[in-house]
N, C-alpha and C. Protein backbone atom coordinates (compact mmCIF):
# COMPACT_ATOMS: atom_id res chain seq x y z
N MET A 1 95.88 108.43 95.09
CA MET A 1 94.47 108.32 94.75
C MET A 1 93.90 107.05 95.37
N LYS A 2 92.63 107.10 95.73
CA LYS A 2 91.99 105.97 96.40
C LYS A 2 91.05 105.23 95.44
N GLU A 3 90.97 103.92 95.66
CA GLU A 3 89.97 103.08 94.99
C GLU A 3 89.11 102.49 96.09
N HIS A 4 88.07 101.79 95.70
CA HIS A 4 87.21 101.16 96.69
C HIS A 4 87.28 99.64 96.58
N GLY A 5 87.13 99.01 97.72
CA GLY A 5 87.01 97.57 97.81
C GLY A 5 85.71 97.23 98.49
N ILE A 6 85.21 96.02 98.21
CA ILE A 6 83.98 95.53 98.82
C ILE A 6 84.30 94.30 99.66
N ILE A 7 83.92 94.37 100.92
CA ILE A 7 84.08 93.24 101.83
C ILE A 7 82.70 92.64 102.05
N THR A 8 82.60 91.32 101.92
CA THR A 8 81.36 90.62 102.26
C THR A 8 81.64 89.69 103.43
N VAL A 9 80.69 89.63 104.34
CA VAL A 9 80.79 88.76 105.52
C VAL A 9 79.46 88.02 105.64
N ILE A 10 79.54 86.69 105.68
CA ILE A 10 78.34 85.86 105.78
C ILE A 10 78.62 84.72 106.75
N GLY A 11 77.66 84.47 107.65
CA GLY A 11 77.81 83.34 108.56
C GLY A 11 76.76 83.38 109.65
N LYS A 12 76.86 82.43 110.54
CA LYS A 12 75.96 82.38 111.69
C LYS A 12 76.19 83.61 112.57
N ASP A 13 75.11 84.22 113.01
CA ASP A 13 75.21 85.42 113.83
C ASP A 13 75.81 85.10 115.19
N LYS A 14 76.67 85.98 115.65
CA LYS A 14 77.25 85.88 116.99
C LYS A 14 77.76 87.26 117.40
N VAL A 15 77.98 87.45 118.64
CA VAL A 15 78.45 88.72 119.18
C VAL A 15 79.86 89.01 118.68
N GLY A 16 80.09 90.26 118.23
CA GLY A 16 81.44 90.73 117.96
C GLY A 16 81.93 90.68 116.53
N ILE A 17 81.10 90.25 115.59
CA ILE A 17 81.57 90.14 114.20
C ILE A 17 81.98 91.52 113.67
N ILE A 18 81.10 92.50 113.78
CA ILE A 18 81.41 93.83 113.26
C ILE A 18 82.63 94.41 113.98
N ALA A 19 82.70 94.24 115.27
CA ALA A 19 83.82 94.77 116.05
C ALA A 19 85.14 94.16 115.60
N LYS A 20 85.15 92.87 115.35
CA LYS A 20 86.41 92.21 114.96
C LYS A 20 86.84 92.60 113.55
N VAL A 21 85.89 92.66 112.62
CA VAL A 21 86.23 93.05 111.25
C VAL A 21 86.67 94.51 111.22
N SER A 22 85.91 95.40 111.85
CA SER A 22 86.28 96.82 111.82
C SER A 22 87.57 97.06 112.62
N GLY A 23 87.82 96.28 113.65
CA GLY A 23 89.07 96.40 114.41
C GLY A 23 90.27 96.02 113.56
N LEU A 24 90.17 94.95 112.79
CA LEU A 24 91.26 94.56 111.90
C LEU A 24 91.52 95.66 110.87
N LEU A 25 90.44 96.21 110.30
CA LEU A 25 90.59 97.28 109.32
C LEU A 25 91.25 98.51 109.95
N ALA A 26 90.85 98.86 111.16
CA ALA A 26 91.46 100.00 111.85
C ALA A 26 92.95 99.75 112.09
N ASP A 27 93.29 98.54 112.51
CA ASP A 27 94.69 98.19 112.74
C ASP A 27 95.52 98.31 111.45
N GLU A 28 94.88 98.07 110.31
CA GLU A 28 95.56 98.14 109.01
C GLU A 28 95.49 99.54 108.40
N GLY A 29 94.84 100.49 109.10
CA GLY A 29 94.74 101.85 108.60
C GLY A 29 93.78 102.00 107.42
N VAL A 30 92.77 101.13 107.37
CA VAL A 30 91.81 101.12 106.27
C VAL A 30 90.54 101.86 106.70
N ASN A 31 90.09 102.79 105.86
CA ASN A 31 88.89 103.56 106.14
C ASN A 31 87.65 102.84 105.62
N ILE A 32 86.62 102.73 106.45
CA ILE A 32 85.33 102.19 106.04
C ILE A 32 84.50 103.36 105.50
N VAL A 33 84.09 103.26 104.24
CA VAL A 33 83.31 104.32 103.59
C VAL A 33 81.82 104.13 103.84
N ASP A 34 81.36 102.89 103.79
CA ASP A 34 79.94 102.59 103.99
C ASP A 34 79.81 101.17 104.51
N ILE A 35 78.73 100.92 105.23
CA ILE A 35 78.50 99.58 105.80
C ILE A 35 77.00 99.30 105.83
N SER A 36 76.66 98.08 105.51
CA SER A 36 75.27 97.63 105.59
C SER A 36 75.30 96.22 106.15
N GLN A 37 74.49 95.98 107.15
CA GLN A 37 74.43 94.64 107.72
C GLN A 37 73.00 94.31 108.10
N THR A 38 72.70 93.03 108.09
CA THR A 38 71.38 92.57 108.50
C THR A 38 71.49 91.15 109.04
N ILE A 39 70.49 90.79 109.79
CA ILE A 39 70.38 89.43 110.31
C ILE A 39 69.18 88.79 109.62
N LEU A 40 69.39 87.65 108.98
CA LEU A 40 68.32 86.88 108.34
C LEU A 40 68.17 85.59 109.13
N LYS A 41 67.15 85.55 109.99
CA LYS A 41 66.99 84.46 110.96
C LYS A 41 68.27 84.38 111.78
N ASP A 42 69.02 83.29 111.65
CA ASP A 42 70.26 83.13 112.43
C ASP A 42 71.50 83.53 111.65
N PHE A 43 71.34 84.06 110.44
CA PHE A 43 72.48 84.36 109.59
C PHE A 43 72.79 85.85 109.55
N PHE A 44 74.07 86.15 109.71
CA PHE A 44 74.60 87.50 109.66
C PHE A 44 75.11 87.77 108.25
N THR A 45 74.73 88.90 107.68
CA THR A 45 75.26 89.30 106.37
C THR A 45 75.70 90.76 106.46
N MET A 46 76.84 91.05 105.85
CA MET A 46 77.34 92.42 105.89
C MET A 46 78.09 92.73 104.61
N LEU A 47 77.90 93.95 104.11
CA LEU A 47 78.69 94.50 103.02
C LEU A 47 79.37 95.75 103.55
N MET A 48 80.64 95.90 103.24
CA MET A 48 81.38 97.11 103.61
C MET A 48 82.09 97.63 102.37
N MET A 49 82.06 98.94 102.18
CA MET A 49 82.89 99.55 101.16
C MET A 49 84.06 100.21 101.88
N ILE A 50 85.27 99.93 101.42
CA ILE A 50 86.46 100.48 102.06
C ILE A 50 87.30 101.23 101.03
N GLU A 51 88.15 102.11 101.51
CA GLU A 51 89.10 102.81 100.64
C GLU A 51 90.39 102.02 100.57
N LEU A 52 90.90 101.90 99.34
CA LEU A 52 92.16 101.20 99.10
C LEU A 52 93.12 102.13 98.38
N GLU A 53 94.41 101.97 98.66
CA GLU A 53 95.42 102.71 97.90
C GLU A 53 95.41 102.18 96.48
N LYS A 54 95.46 103.07 95.50
CA LYS A 54 95.29 102.71 94.08
C LYS A 54 96.26 101.63 93.62
N ASP A 55 97.53 101.76 93.93
CA ASP A 55 98.53 100.84 93.39
C ASP A 55 98.97 99.77 94.38
N LYS A 56 98.26 99.66 95.49
CA LYS A 56 98.65 98.69 96.53
C LYS A 56 97.86 97.39 96.35
N SER A 57 98.54 96.26 96.45
CA SER A 57 97.89 94.95 96.33
C SER A 57 96.92 94.74 97.50
N ILE A 58 95.74 94.20 97.18
CA ILE A 58 94.77 93.93 98.25
C ILE A 58 94.93 92.52 98.81
N GLU A 59 95.79 91.71 98.19
CA GLU A 59 95.93 90.32 98.61
C GLU A 59 96.32 90.14 100.08
N PRO A 60 97.29 90.90 100.61
CA PRO A 60 97.62 90.71 102.03
C PRO A 60 96.43 90.98 102.95
N LEU A 61 95.68 92.04 102.67
CA LEU A 61 94.50 92.35 103.49
C LEU A 61 93.43 91.29 103.30
N ALA A 62 93.22 90.85 102.07
CA ALA A 62 92.22 89.81 101.80
C ALA A 62 92.54 88.54 102.58
N LYS A 63 93.81 88.18 102.64
CA LYS A 63 94.22 86.97 103.38
C LYS A 63 94.01 87.14 104.89
N LYS A 64 94.30 88.32 105.41
CA LYS A 64 94.07 88.58 106.84
C LYS A 64 92.59 88.51 107.17
N LEU A 65 91.76 89.06 106.30
CA LEU A 65 90.31 89.00 106.52
C LEU A 65 89.80 87.56 106.44
N GLU A 66 90.31 86.81 105.48
CA GLU A 66 89.90 85.40 105.35
C GLU A 66 90.31 84.61 106.60
N LYS A 67 91.51 84.85 107.09
CA LYS A 67 91.98 84.18 108.31
C LYS A 67 91.12 84.56 109.51
N LEU A 68 90.78 85.85 109.62
CA LEU A 68 89.90 86.30 110.70
C LEU A 68 88.55 85.59 110.60
N GLY A 69 88.00 85.53 109.39
CA GLY A 69 86.72 84.85 109.19
C GLY A 69 86.77 83.40 109.66
N ASP A 70 87.85 82.71 109.30
CA ASP A 70 88.02 81.31 109.73
C ASP A 70 88.01 81.21 111.26
N SER A 71 88.66 82.17 111.92
CA SER A 71 88.77 82.10 113.38
C SER A 71 87.45 82.40 114.08
N ILE A 72 86.55 83.16 113.43
CA ILE A 72 85.28 83.49 114.09
C ILE A 72 84.08 82.77 113.45
N GLY A 73 84.35 81.91 112.48
CA GLY A 73 83.29 81.08 111.92
C GLY A 73 82.41 81.73 110.88
N VAL A 74 82.96 82.71 110.14
CA VAL A 74 82.21 83.34 109.06
C VAL A 74 83.08 83.36 107.80
N LYS A 75 82.46 83.61 106.67
CA LYS A 75 83.18 83.72 105.39
C LYS A 75 83.36 85.19 105.08
N ILE A 76 84.62 85.63 104.94
CA ILE A 76 84.91 87.03 104.63
C ILE A 76 85.69 87.07 103.32
N THR A 77 85.20 87.89 102.38
CA THR A 77 85.91 88.09 101.12
C THR A 77 86.11 89.59 100.87
N LEU A 78 87.18 89.91 100.16
CA LEU A 78 87.48 91.28 99.76
C LEU A 78 87.74 91.28 98.26
N GLN A 79 87.06 92.18 97.55
CA GLN A 79 87.24 92.32 96.11
C GLN A 79 87.34 93.81 95.77
N HIS A 80 88.06 94.11 94.68
CA HIS A 80 88.02 95.47 94.15
C HIS A 80 86.59 95.78 93.74
N GLU A 81 86.18 97.01 93.88
CA GLU A 81 84.82 97.43 93.53
C GLU A 81 84.49 97.10 92.06
N GLY A 82 85.43 97.30 91.16
CA GLY A 82 85.19 97.01 89.74
C GLY A 82 84.89 95.55 89.50
N LEU A 83 85.64 94.65 90.15
CA LEU A 83 85.40 93.22 90.00
C LEU A 83 84.05 92.85 90.61
N PHE A 84 83.74 93.39 91.77
CA PHE A 84 82.46 93.12 92.42
C PHE A 84 81.30 93.55 91.51
N ASN A 85 81.40 94.76 90.94
CA ASN A 85 80.36 95.26 90.06
C ASN A 85 80.21 94.39 88.81
N ALA A 86 81.32 93.97 88.24
CA ALA A 86 81.28 93.13 87.04
C ALA A 86 80.62 91.79 87.33
N MET A 87 80.88 91.23 88.50
CA MET A 87 80.31 89.93 88.86
C MET A 87 78.82 90.02 89.16
N HIS A 88 78.33 91.20 89.54
CA HIS A 88 76.94 91.34 89.96
C HIS A 88 76.12 92.19 89.00
N ARG A 89 76.62 92.35 87.78
CA ARG A 89 75.90 93.10 86.77
C ARG A 89 74.85 92.20 86.14
N ILE A 90 73.68 92.77 85.91
CA ILE A 90 72.59 92.00 85.30
C ILE A 90 72.64 92.18 83.80
């Protein structure tokens, strides 16, 4: 069974951010369910919903995404959908 995770990417806009993030996910065999991105002046923002294996730890993927973010100058986080929803509930 699949669960969903939410990836957030925030940082200065530059060429290749989406390609690098989606490339890492493809290399890891992770399916992107939905994606939304926008540019606010010079800042790039993106939300991605991905499919996760129900009983598989997301920590290794989260660390790879964080490392990728460091290398390209953006902040990348990965959270389970339930945690993301709980943190952003009004």
